[in-house]
Amino acid sequence: MVEKKRFLKNAGRALKKMKKVHFCDKELFRILSKDNLQRLEKEFSVKIYVKKGKTSADFLIKGKNAVHEHIAYEILEAIASGFDFDTAILLKDENFIFKKVPLKSYASSSRLEVVKGRIIGSKGKSKRVIEKLTECDLCLCDNHVSLIGKAEHVEVACKAIQSLIRGAKHANVFKFLEKERAHLKELDQEDIRLSLK
């Protein structure tokens, strides 16, 4: 009886620590399909427990390494934001970050579709150019733009996206990205030199 009470108390504490990831039904399918959870568990030596709700899922990630737990959670959030597993797993590299930008912070609800259209561009051209010039992966899901890439690259991509939201001409944003690309390449070369020392 005492053991059962202790177990229930510990389980209650664990449930309070669960991190919540909001999803659409299709997103949950993407997270839980193709053995993604098992792949994450194996990759980071963690155990992932899932409690499903109607519009969200709670994930409890347990492991011996808190950093691995955090990365596994970030990868789940990236998958819920529309990235495939192979892109999301890039986050295991300490140089890569995941950033989620809520479009409602920059535009009213009535302008969200226009803003998304500006970010994507005609036949996806704007999105492809941003991805190519910043070497970031970009995903639009619901009312968020999510990015995966090196920290400096993600910041440049965010500036470009914010400019498009504010109504800047695509040509001007692409010129800005071309200029920043040279600077990002210098930073990458510097990182390589430092890692070789």
N, C-alpha and C. Protein backbone atom coordinates (compact mmCIF):
# COMPACT_ATOMS: atom_id res chain seq x y z
N MET A 1 0.83 -1.20 0.00
CA MET A 1 0.00 0.00 0.00
C MET A 1 0.87 1.26 0.00
N VAL A 2 1.92 1.27 0.84
CA VAL A 2 2.84 2.41 0.92
C VAL A 2 3.56 2.58 -0.41
N GLU A 3 3.98 1.45 -1.01
CA GLU A 3 4.67 1.50 -2.30
C GLU A 3 3.76 2.08 -3.38
N LYS A 4 2.48 1.69 -3.36
CA LYS A 4 1.54 2.19 -4.36
C LYS A 4 1.35 3.69 -4.22
N LYS A 5 1.24 4.18 -2.98
CA LYS A 5 1.09 5.62 -2.74
C LYS A 5 2.31 6.39 -3.25
N ARG A 6 3.49 5.83 -2.96
CA ARG A 6 4.73 6.46 -3.42
C ARG A 6 4.78 6.50 -4.94
N PHE A 7 4.38 5.38 -5.57
CA PHE A 7 4.35 5.32 -7.04
C PHE A 7 3.40 6.38 -7.61
N LEU A 8 2.20 6.49 -7.06
CA LEU A 8 1.21 7.46 -7.55
C LEU A 8 1.69 8.90 -7.34
N LYS A 9 2.36 9.15 -6.23
CA LYS A 9 2.90 10.49 -5.95
C LYS A 9 3.97 10.85 -6.99
N ASN A 10 4.88 9.90 -7.25
CA ASN A 10 5.93 10.13 -8.25
C ASN A 10 5.35 10.29 -9.65
N ALA A 11 4.34 9.49 -9.97
CA ALA A 11 3.69 9.59 -11.28
C ALA A 11 3.02 10.95 -11.44
N GLY A 12 2.40 11.45 -10.36
CA GLY A 12 1.77 12.78 -10.39
C GLY A 12 2.79 13.87 -10.65
N ARG A 13 3.95 13.78 -9.99
CA ARG A 13 5.02 14.76 -10.23
C ARG A 13 5.50 14.69 -11.67
N ALA A 14 5.65 13.48 -12.18
CA ALA A 14 6.12 13.31 -13.56
C ALA A 14 5.14 13.94 -14.55
N LEU A 15 3.84 13.75 -14.32
CA LEU A 15 2.84 14.32 -15.22
C LEU A 15 2.89 15.84 -15.23
N LYS A 16 3.18 16.45 -14.08
CA LYS A 16 3.29 17.91 -14.01
C LYS A 16 4.47 18.40 -14.82
N LYS A 17 5.51 17.58 -14.95
CA LYS A 17 6.72 17.97 -15.68
C LYS A 17 6.59 17.74 -17.19
N MET A 18 5.50 17.11 -17.61
CA MET A 18 5.35 16.81 -19.03
C MET A 18 5.28 18.09 -19.84
N LYS A 19 5.93 18.08 -20.98
CA LYS A 19 5.90 19.24 -21.86
C LYS A 19 4.82 19.02 -22.90
N LYS A 20 4.08 20.07 -23.19
CA LYS A 20 2.95 19.96 -24.10
C LYS A 20 3.35 20.42 -25.49
N VAL A 21 3.00 19.65 -26.50
CA VAL A 21 3.21 20.03 -27.90
C VAL A 21 1.83 20.06 -28.55
N HIS A 22 1.43 21.21 -29.08
CA HIS A 22 0.14 21.32 -29.75
C HIS A 22 0.27 20.81 -31.19
N PHE A 23 -0.78 20.22 -31.70
CA PHE A 23 -0.72 19.60 -33.01
C PHE A 23 -2.10 19.56 -33.64
N CYS A 24 -2.10 19.42 -34.96
CA CYS A 24 -3.33 19.04 -35.68
C CYS A 24 -3.27 17.52 -35.75
N ASP A 25 -4.37 16.90 -36.11
CA ASP A 25 -4.38 15.43 -36.18
C ASP A 25 -3.28 14.92 -37.10
N LYS A 26 -3.10 15.58 -38.26
CA LYS A 26 -2.09 15.13 -39.22
C LYS A 26 -0.69 15.25 -38.63
N GLU A 27 -0.47 16.28 -37.77
CA GLU A 27 0.84 16.46 -37.16
C GLU A 27 1.13 15.34 -36.17
N LEU A 28 0.14 14.96 -35.38
CA LEU A 28 0.35 13.87 -34.42
C LEU A 28 0.68 12.59 -35.18
N PHE A 29 -0.02 12.36 -36.30
CA PHE A 29 0.28 11.18 -37.10
C PHE A 29 1.73 11.20 -37.56
N ARG A 30 2.20 12.40 -37.97
CA ARG A 30 3.57 12.52 -38.45
C ARG A 30 4.56 12.27 -37.30
N ILE A 31 4.25 12.75 -36.11
CA ILE A 31 5.15 12.56 -34.97
C ILE A 31 5.23 11.08 -34.60
N LEU A 32 4.08 10.44 -34.53
CA LEU A 32 4.04 9.07 -34.02
C LEU A 32 4.23 8.01 -35.10
N SER A 33 4.20 8.41 -36.37
CA SER A 33 4.32 7.41 -37.44
C SER A 33 5.78 7.04 -37.70
N LYS A 34 5.93 5.97 -38.45
CA LYS A 34 7.24 5.49 -38.90
C LYS A 34 8.25 5.32 -37.76
N ASP A 35 7.76 4.95 -36.63
CA ASP A 35 8.63 4.66 -35.50
C ASP A 35 9.51 5.83 -35.08
N ASN A 36 9.02 7.07 -35.31
CA ASN A 36 9.82 8.25 -34.95
C ASN A 36 10.17 8.27 -33.46
N LEU A 37 9.22 7.92 -32.61
CA LEU A 37 9.50 7.93 -31.18
C LEU A 37 10.58 6.92 -30.82
N GLN A 38 10.50 5.74 -31.42
CA GLN A 38 11.50 4.71 -31.15
C GLN A 38 12.88 5.15 -31.64
N ARG A 39 12.90 5.81 -32.81
CA ARG A 39 14.18 6.31 -33.34
C ARG A 39 14.79 7.35 -32.41
N LEU A 40 13.93 8.23 -31.87
CA LEU A 40 14.42 9.25 -30.94
C LEU A 40 14.92 8.61 -29.65
N GLU A 41 14.16 7.65 -29.15
CA GLU A 41 14.57 6.97 -27.91
C GLU A 41 15.94 6.32 -28.08
N LYS A 42 16.14 5.68 -29.23
CA LYS A 42 17.41 5.01 -29.48
C LYS A 42 18.54 6.02 -29.66
N GLU A 43 18.27 7.08 -30.41
CA GLU A 43 19.28 8.10 -30.72
C GLU A 43 19.81 8.78 -29.46
N PHE A 44 18.91 9.07 -28.50
CA PHE A 44 19.29 9.86 -27.33
C PHE A 44 19.25 9.09 -26.01
N SER A 45 19.04 7.80 -26.09
CA SER A 45 18.97 6.96 -24.88
C SER A 45 17.98 7.54 -23.86
N VAL A 46 16.76 7.79 -24.36
CA VAL A 46 15.68 8.31 -23.50
C VAL A 46 14.45 7.42 -23.68
N LYS A 47 13.50 7.59 -22.77
CA LYS A 47 12.21 6.92 -22.88
C LYS A 47 11.16 8.02 -23.02
N ILE A 48 10.29 7.89 -24.03
CA ILE A 48 9.28 8.92 -24.29
C ILE A 48 7.89 8.35 -23.99
N TYR A 49 7.17 9.03 -23.10
CA TYR A 49 5.80 8.65 -22.75
C TYR A 49 4.87 9.70 -23.36
N VAL A 50 3.76 9.24 -23.92
CA VAL A 50 2.83 10.15 -24.60
C VAL A 50 1.45 10.06 -23.96
N LYS A 51 0.87 11.24 -23.71
CA LYS A 51 -0.52 11.33 -23.25
C LYS A 51 -1.23 12.21 -24.27
N LYS A 52 -2.13 11.59 -25.06
CA LYS A 52 -2.81 12.31 -26.13
C LYS A 52 -4.06 13.01 -25.64
N GLY A 53 -4.26 14.24 -26.14
CA GLY A 53 -5.49 14.98 -25.92
C GLY A 53 -6.15 15.22 -27.26
N LYS A 54 -7.15 16.11 -27.30
CA LYS A 54 -7.83 16.38 -28.57
C LYS A 54 -7.02 17.30 -29.47
N THR A 55 -6.36 18.30 -28.89
CA THR A 55 -5.60 19.26 -29.72
C THR A 55 -4.15 19.36 -29.32
N SER A 56 -3.72 18.50 -28.41
CA SER A 56 -2.32 18.53 -28.00
C SER A 56 -1.91 17.16 -27.49
N ALA A 57 -0.62 16.99 -27.36
CA ALA A 57 -0.09 15.77 -26.76
C ALA A 57 0.93 16.18 -25.73
N ASP A 58 0.92 15.49 -24.61
CA ASP A 58 1.93 15.73 -23.58
C ASP A 58 3.00 14.67 -23.74
N PHE A 59 4.26 15.11 -23.75
CA PHE A 59 5.37 14.18 -23.88
C PHE A 59 6.21 14.26 -22.62
N LEU A 60 6.42 13.12 -22.00
CA LEU A 60 7.34 13.04 -20.87
C LEU A 60 8.56 12.31 -21.39
N ILE A 61 9.69 12.98 -21.34
CA ILE A 61 10.93 12.41 -21.85
C ILE A 61 11.86 12.18 -20.67
N LYS A 62 12.22 10.94 -20.44
CA LYS A 62 13.06 10.59 -19.31
C LYS A 62 14.37 9.99 -19.82
N GLY A 63 15.46 10.46 -19.24
CA GLY A 63 16.76 9.92 -19.60
C GLY A 63 17.78 10.32 -18.55
N LYS A 64 18.99 9.82 -18.70
CA LYS A 64 20.04 10.14 -17.73
C LYS A 64 20.70 11.47 -18.06
N ASN A 65 20.49 11.97 -19.27
CA ASN A 65 21.15 13.19 -19.71
C ASN A 65 20.09 14.25 -20.00
N ALA A 66 20.09 15.35 -19.22
CA ALA A 66 19.08 16.41 -19.38
C ALA A 66 19.18 17.09 -20.74
N VAL A 67 20.40 17.20 -21.27
CA VAL A 67 20.59 17.82 -22.59
C VAL A 67 19.92 16.96 -23.66
N HIS A 68 20.09 15.64 -23.57
CA HIS A 68 19.46 14.74 -24.54
C HIS A 68 17.93 14.81 -24.44
N GLU A 69 17.42 14.93 -23.23
CA GLU A 69 15.97 15.07 -23.04
C GLU A 69 15.46 16.33 -23.75
N HIS A 70 16.19 17.44 -23.57
CA HIS A 70 15.79 18.72 -24.17
C HIS A 70 15.83 18.64 -25.70
N ILE A 71 16.88 18.05 -26.24
CA ILE A 71 17.01 17.95 -27.71
C ILE A 71 15.89 17.07 -28.27
N ALA A 72 15.59 15.98 -27.61
CA ALA A 72 14.51 15.09 -28.07
C ALA A 72 13.18 15.83 -28.09
N TYR A 73 12.93 16.65 -27.05
CA TYR A 73 11.71 17.44 -27.01
C TYR A 73 11.68 18.45 -28.16
N GLU A 74 12.80 19.13 -28.42
CA GLU A 74 12.87 20.11 -29.52
C GLU A 74 12.60 19.44 -30.86
N ILE A 75 13.12 18.24 -31.02
CA ILE A 75 12.90 17.51 -32.28
C ILE A 75 11.42 17.18 -32.44
N LEU A 76 10.76 16.75 -31.35
CA LEU A 76 9.32 16.49 -31.42
C LEU A 76 8.55 17.76 -31.79
N GLU A 77 8.95 18.89 -31.22
CA GLU A 77 8.29 20.15 -31.52
C GLU A 77 8.52 20.55 -32.98
N ALA A 78 9.72 20.30 -33.48
CA ALA A 78 10.02 20.60 -34.89
C ALA A 78 9.16 19.74 -35.82
N ILE A 79 9.01 18.47 -35.48
CA ILE A 79 8.17 17.57 -36.30
C ILE A 79 6.72 18.06 -36.27
N ALA A 80 6.26 18.48 -35.08
CA ALA A 80 4.89 19.01 -34.96
C ALA A 80 4.72 20.30 -35.75
N SER A 81 5.83 20.99 -36.04
CA SER A 81 5.77 22.24 -36.80
C SER A 81 5.87 22.00 -38.31
N GLY A 82 5.95 20.73 -38.71
CA GLY A 82 5.91 20.42 -40.13
C GLY A 82 7.17 19.84 -40.72
N PHE A 83 8.26 19.79 -39.96
CA PHE A 83 9.51 19.23 -40.49
C PHE A 83 9.45 17.72 -40.49
N ASP A 84 10.12 17.11 -41.47
CA ASP A 84 10.21 15.65 -41.45
C ASP A 84 11.29 15.25 -40.44
N PHE A 85 11.32 13.97 -40.12
CA PHE A 85 12.22 13.49 -39.08
C PHE A 85 13.68 13.76 -39.43
N ASP A 86 14.05 13.54 -40.70
CA ASP A 86 15.45 13.69 -41.10
C ASP A 86 15.94 15.13 -41.00
N THR A 87 15.04 16.09 -41.19
CA THR A 87 15.41 17.50 -41.01
C THR A 87 15.46 17.83 -39.53
N ALA A 88 14.46 17.39 -38.78
CA ALA A 88 14.39 17.69 -37.34
C ALA A 88 15.59 17.12 -36.58
N ILE A 89 16.10 15.96 -37.02
CA ILE A 89 17.21 15.32 -36.31
C ILE A 89 18.50 16.12 -36.44
N LEU A 90 18.54 17.09 -37.36
CA LEU A 90 19.71 17.98 -37.46
C LEU A 90 19.96 18.71 -36.15
N LEU A 91 18.91 18.84 -35.32
CA LEU A 91 19.02 19.55 -34.05
C LEU A 91 19.93 18.84 -33.05
N LYS A 92 20.33 17.61 -33.34
CA LYS A 92 21.28 16.95 -32.44
C LYS A 92 22.66 17.57 -32.55
N ASP A 93 22.91 18.28 -33.66
CA ASP A 93 24.16 19.03 -33.83
C ASP A 93 24.04 20.31 -33.01
N GLU A 94 24.97 20.55 -32.10
CA GLU A 94 24.88 21.71 -31.21
C GLU A 94 24.91 23.05 -31.93
N ASN A 95 25.34 23.07 -33.19
CA ASN A 95 25.38 24.32 -33.96
C ASN A 95 24.02 24.68 -34.55
N PHE A 96 23.07 23.74 -34.54
CA PHE A 96 21.76 23.97 -35.14
C PHE A 96 20.73 24.33 -34.08
N ILE A 97 19.82 25.25 -34.44
CA ILE A 97 18.74 25.63 -33.54
C ILE A 97 17.39 25.52 -34.24
N PHE A 98 16.36 25.47 -33.43
CA PHE A 98 14.97 25.47 -33.91
C PHE A 98 14.33 26.75 -33.40
N LYS A 99 13.73 27.51 -34.32
CA LYS A 99 13.05 28.74 -33.91
C LYS A 99 11.66 28.76 -34.52
N LYS A 100 10.70 29.12 -33.70
CA LYS A 100 9.30 29.18 -34.12
C LYS A 100 8.85 30.64 -34.02
N VAL A 101 8.40 31.20 -35.13
CA VAL A 101 7.99 32.61 -35.19
C VAL A 101 6.47 32.67 -35.35
N PRO A 102 5.75 33.18 -34.33
CA PRO A 102 4.29 33.30 -34.46
C PRO A 102 3.94 34.50 -35.35
N LEU A 103 3.27 34.23 -36.46
CA LEU A 103 2.93 35.30 -37.41
C LEU A 103 1.97 36.32 -36.80
N LYS A 104 1.16 35.89 -35.84
CA LYS A 104 0.20 36.80 -35.21
C LYS A 104 0.90 37.92 -34.43
N SER A 105 2.18 37.73 -34.13
CA SER A 105 2.94 38.78 -33.45
C SER A 105 3.27 39.93 -34.41
N TYR A 106 3.18 39.65 -35.71
CA TYR A 106 3.57 40.65 -36.71
C TYR A 106 2.42 41.10 -37.60
N ALA A 107 1.34 40.34 -37.62
CA ALA A 107 0.23 40.67 -38.53
C ALA A 107 -1.10 40.33 -37.88
N SER A 108 -2.12 41.08 -38.25
CA SER A 108 -3.47 40.81 -37.73
C SER A 108 -4.02 39.55 -38.37
N SER A 109 -5.03 38.98 -37.74
CA SER A 109 -5.63 37.74 -38.24
C SER A 109 -6.13 37.88 -39.67
N SER A 110 -6.64 39.07 -40.01
CA SER A 110 -7.18 39.28 -41.36
C SER A 110 -6.08 39.30 -42.43
N ARG A 111 -4.83 39.53 -42.03
CA ARG A 111 -3.72 39.60 -43.00
C ARG A 111 -2.88 38.33 -43.04
N LEU A 112 -3.21 37.33 -42.23
CA LEU A 112 -2.35 36.15 -42.13
C LEU A 112 -2.15 35.43 -43.46
N GLU A 113 -3.22 35.27 -44.24
CA GLU A 113 -3.09 34.57 -45.52
C GLU A 113 -2.21 35.35 -46.50
N VAL A 114 -2.34 36.67 -46.49
CA VAL A 114 -1.50 37.52 -47.35
C VAL A 114 -0.04 37.38 -46.94
N VAL A 115 0.20 37.43 -45.63
CA VAL A 115 1.57 37.32 -45.10
C VAL A 115 2.18 35.97 -45.47
N LYS A 116 1.41 34.89 -45.31
CA LYS A 116 1.91 33.56 -45.68
C LYS A 116 2.25 33.51 -47.17
N GLY A 117 1.39 34.12 -47.97
CA GLY A 117 1.63 34.16 -49.41
C GLY A 117 2.91 34.90 -49.76
N ARG A 118 3.20 35.98 -49.05
CA ARG A 118 4.43 36.74 -49.29
C ARG A 118 5.66 35.93 -48.91
N ILE A 119 5.57 35.16 -47.83
CA ILE A 119 6.72 34.36 -47.39
C ILE A 119 6.96 33.19 -48.35
N ILE A 120 5.88 32.56 -48.79
CA ILE A 120 6.00 31.42 -49.71
C ILE A 120 6.38 31.91 -51.11
N GLY A 121 5.73 32.98 -51.58
CA GLY A 121 6.00 33.51 -52.91
C GLY A 121 5.31 32.70 -53.99
N SER A 122 5.39 33.20 -55.19
CA SER A 122 4.77 32.54 -56.34
C SER A 122 5.42 31.18 -56.58
N LYS A 123 4.62 30.13 -56.54
CA LYS A 123 5.07 28.75 -56.73
C LYS A 123 6.20 28.37 -55.76
N GLY A 124 6.20 29.00 -54.58
CA GLY A 124 7.18 28.66 -53.55
C GLY A 124 8.55 29.30 -53.74
N LYS A 125 8.65 30.25 -54.67
CA LYS A 125 9.97 30.83 -55.00
C LYS A 125 10.60 31.55 -53.81
N SER A 126 9.85 32.39 -53.12
CA SER A 126 10.40 33.17 -52.01
C SER A 126 10.94 32.26 -50.91
N LYS A 127 10.18 31.25 -50.56
CA LYS A 127 10.60 30.29 -49.53
C LYS A 127 11.89 29.60 -49.96
N ARG A 128 11.96 29.17 -51.22
CA ARG A 128 13.16 28.48 -51.73
C ARG A 128 14.39 29.40 -51.69
N VAL A 129 14.20 30.67 -52.06
CA VAL A 129 15.33 31.62 -52.06
C VAL A 129 15.83 31.85 -50.64
N ILE A 130 14.91 32.03 -49.70
CA ILE A 130 15.31 32.22 -48.30
C ILE A 130 16.09 31.01 -47.80
N GLU A 131 15.57 29.82 -48.11
CA GLU A 131 16.24 28.59 -47.67
C GLU A 131 17.63 28.46 -48.29
N LYS A 132 17.72 28.76 -49.57
CA LYS A 132 19.00 28.59 -50.28
C LYS A 132 20.04 29.59 -49.78
N LEU A 133 19.67 30.87 -49.64
CA LEU A 133 20.64 31.90 -49.29
C LEU A 133 21.02 31.88 -47.81
N THR A 134 20.16 31.33 -46.97
CA THR A 134 20.48 31.27 -45.53
C THR A 134 20.90 29.86 -45.09
N GLU A 135 20.73 28.89 -45.97
CA GLU A 135 21.02 27.48 -45.65
C GLU A 135 20.22 27.01 -44.44
N CYS A 136 18.98 27.49 -44.37
CA CYS A 136 18.05 27.08 -43.31
C CYS A 136 16.91 26.29 -43.94
N ASP A 137 16.28 25.45 -43.14
CA ASP A 137 15.04 24.80 -43.55
C ASP A 137 13.91 25.60 -42.95
N LEU A 138 12.87 25.86 -43.75
CA LEU A 138 11.77 26.72 -43.34
C LEU A 138 10.46 25.97 -43.53
N CYS A 139 9.57 26.10 -42.57
CA CYS A 139 8.27 25.41 -42.63
C CYS A 139 7.17 26.34 -42.15
N LEU A 140 6.09 26.43 -42.90
CA LEU A 140 4.91 27.18 -42.46
C LEU A 140 3.85 26.18 -42.05
N CYS A 141 3.40 26.29 -40.81
CA CYS A 141 2.38 25.39 -40.30
C CYS A 141 1.45 26.20 -39.41
N ASP A 142 0.16 26.13 -39.66
CA ASP A 142 -0.82 26.93 -38.95
C ASP A 142 -0.42 28.40 -39.09
N ASN A 143 -0.23 29.10 -38.00
CA ASN A 143 0.13 30.52 -38.05
C ASN A 143 1.54 30.77 -37.53
N HIS A 144 2.42 29.83 -37.84
CA HIS A 144 3.82 29.94 -37.42
C HIS A 144 4.74 29.69 -38.61
N VAL A 145 5.89 30.35 -38.57
CA VAL A 145 7.00 30.01 -39.47
C VAL A 145 8.05 29.39 -38.56
N SER A 146 8.50 28.22 -38.90
CA SER A 146 9.53 27.55 -38.09
C SER A 146 10.78 27.38 -38.93
N LEU A 147 11.92 27.51 -38.27
CA LEU A 147 13.20 27.42 -38.96
C LEU A 147 14.15 26.49 -38.24
N ILE A 148 14.96 25.78 -39.01
CA ILE A 148 16.05 24.97 -38.47
C ILE A 148 17.30 25.34 -39.24
N GLY A 149 18.36 25.66 -38.51
CA GLY A 149 19.62 26.00 -39.15
C GLY A 149 20.61 26.46 -38.10
N LYS A 150 21.77 26.91 -38.55
CA LYS A 150 22.75 27.47 -37.63
C LYS A 150 22.20 28.79 -37.10
N ALA A 151 22.54 29.12 -35.86
CA ALA A 151 21.95 30.28 -35.17
C ALA A 151 22.03 31.56 -35.99
N GLU A 152 23.21 31.90 -36.52
CA GLU A 152 23.37 33.14 -37.28
C GLU A 152 22.53 33.11 -38.55
N HIS A 153 22.44 31.96 -39.18
CA HIS A 153 21.67 31.79 -40.41
C HIS A 153 20.17 31.98 -40.13
N VAL A 154 19.72 31.41 -39.01
CA VAL A 154 18.30 31.53 -38.63
C VAL A 154 17.94 32.98 -38.36
N GLU A 155 18.84 33.72 -37.71
CA GLU A 155 18.57 35.14 -37.42
C GLU A 155 18.44 35.95 -38.70
N VAL A 156 19.29 35.68 -39.67
CA VAL A 156 19.21 36.38 -40.97
C VAL A 156 17.90 36.03 -41.66
N ALA A 157 17.53 34.75 -41.65
CA ALA A 157 16.27 34.32 -42.27
C ALA A 157 15.08 35.00 -41.59
N CYS A 158 15.12 35.12 -40.26
CA CYS A 158 14.04 35.79 -39.51
C CYS A 158 13.92 37.26 -39.91
N LYS A 159 15.05 37.93 -40.09
CA LYS A 159 15.03 39.35 -40.51
C LYS A 159 14.37 39.47 -41.89
N ALA A 160 14.72 38.55 -42.78
CA ALA A 160 14.13 38.56 -44.13
C ALA A 160 12.62 38.33 -44.06
N ILE A 161 12.20 37.38 -43.25
CA ILE A 161 10.77 37.07 -43.10
C ILE A 161 10.03 38.26 -42.51
N GLN A 162 10.61 38.90 -41.50
CA GLN A 162 9.98 40.07 -40.88
C GLN A 162 9.85 41.21 -41.88
N SER A 163 10.86 41.38 -42.75
CA SER A 163 10.79 42.42 -43.79
C SER A 163 9.66 42.14 -44.76
N LEU A 164 9.51 40.88 -45.15
CA LEU A 164 8.42 40.52 -46.07
C LEU A 164 7.06 40.76 -45.41
N ILE A 165 6.95 40.43 -44.14
CA ILE A 165 5.69 40.65 -43.41
C ILE A 165 5.34 42.13 -43.39
N ARG A 166 6.37 42.98 -43.20
CA ARG A 166 6.14 44.43 -43.14
C ARG A 166 5.89 45.05 -44.51
N GLY A 167 6.02 44.25 -45.57
CA GLY A 167 5.68 44.74 -46.91
C GLY A 167 6.85 45.10 -47.78
N ALA A 168 8.06 44.77 -47.38
CA ALA A 168 9.24 45.07 -48.21
C ALA A 168 9.14 44.32 -49.54
N LYS A 169 9.71 44.90 -50.58
CA LYS A 169 9.72 44.25 -51.89
C LYS A 169 10.58 43.00 -51.83
N HIS A 170 10.12 41.97 -52.53
CA HIS A 170 10.88 40.71 -52.55
C HIS A 170 12.30 40.94 -53.06
N ALA A 171 12.44 41.76 -54.10
CA ALA A 171 13.77 42.00 -54.69
C ALA A 171 14.72 42.60 -53.64
N ASN A 172 14.22 43.53 -52.82
CA ASN A 172 15.06 44.15 -51.78
C ASN A 172 15.46 43.14 -50.71
N VAL A 173 14.52 42.27 -50.35
CA VAL A 173 14.81 41.24 -49.34
C VAL A 173 15.85 40.26 -49.88
N PHE A 174 15.72 39.89 -51.16
CA PHE A 174 16.68 38.96 -51.75
C PHE A 174 18.07 39.60 -51.83
N LYS A 175 18.16 40.91 -52.11
CA LYS A 175 19.45 41.62 -52.12
C LYS A 175 20.08 41.59 -50.73
N PHE A 176 19.25 41.84 -49.73
CA PHE A 176 19.73 41.78 -48.33
C PHE A 176 20.29 40.39 -48.04
N LEU A 177 19.58 39.34 -48.47
CA LEU A 177 20.04 37.97 -48.22
C LEU A 177 21.34 37.67 -48.95
N GLU A 178 21.47 38.16 -50.18
CA GLU A 178 22.71 37.96 -50.95
C GLU A 178 23.89 38.60 -50.22
N LYS A 179 23.67 39.80 -49.70
CA LYS A 179 24.72 40.51 -48.97
C LYS A 179 25.09 39.76 -47.69
N GLU A 180 24.08 39.30 -46.96
CA GLU A 180 24.32 38.58 -45.71
C GLU A 180 24.96 37.21 -45.94
N ARG A 181 24.70 36.63 -47.11
CA ARG A 181 25.23 35.30 -47.39
C ARG A 181 26.76 35.29 -47.32
N ALA A 182 27.39 36.34 -47.86
CA ALA A 182 28.85 36.43 -47.82
C ALA A 182 29.33 36.49 -46.37
N HIS A 183 28.63 37.26 -45.55
CA HIS A 183 28.99 37.38 -44.13
C HIS A 183 28.82 36.04 -43.41
N LEU A 184 27.74 35.32 -43.72
CA LEU A 184 27.50 34.02 -43.09
C LEU A 184 28.58 33.02 -43.48
N LYS A 185 29.02 33.08 -44.72
CA LYS A 185 30.09 32.17 -45.18
C LYS A 185 31.38 32.45 -44.42
N GLU A 186 31.66 33.74 -44.17
CA GLU A 186 32.85 34.11 -43.37
C GLU A 186 32.75 33.54 -41.97
N LEU A 187 31.56 33.65 -41.35
CA LEU A 187 31.36 33.11 -40.01
C LEU A 187 31.56 31.60 -39.99
N ASP A 188 31.04 30.92 -41.03
CA ASP A 188 31.19 29.47 -41.11
C ASP A 188 32.67 29.08 -41.25
N GLN A 189 33.41 29.85 -42.07
CA GLN A 189 34.85 29.57 -42.24
C GLN A 189 35.59 29.77 -40.92
N GLU A 190 35.22 30.83 -40.19
CA GLU A 190 35.83 31.09 -38.88
C GLU A 190 35.56 29.94 -37.91
N ASP A 191 34.31 29.43 -37.92
CA ASP A 191 33.94 28.30 -37.06
C ASP A 191 34.78 27.08 -37.40
N ILE A 192 35.01 26.86 -38.69
CA ILE A 192 35.81 25.71 -39.12
C ILE A 192 37.26 25.87 -38.63
N ARG A 193 37.81 27.10 -38.79
CA ARG A 193 39.18 27.35 -38.33
C ARG A 193 39.33 27.13 -36.83
N LEU A 194 38.33 27.63 -36.06
CA LEU A 194 38.39 27.47 -34.60
C LEU A 194 38.29 26.01 -34.18
N SER A 195 37.46 25.24 -34.91
CA SER A 195 37.31 23.82 -34.56
C SER A 195 38.55 23.01 -34.87
N LEU A 196 39.39 23.49 -35.80
CA LEU A 196 40.61 22.77 -36.16
C LEU A 196 41.77 23.07 -35.22
N LYS A 197 41.64 24.12 -34.41
CA LYS A 197 42.73 24.50 -33.48
C LYS A 197 42.80 23.54 -32.31
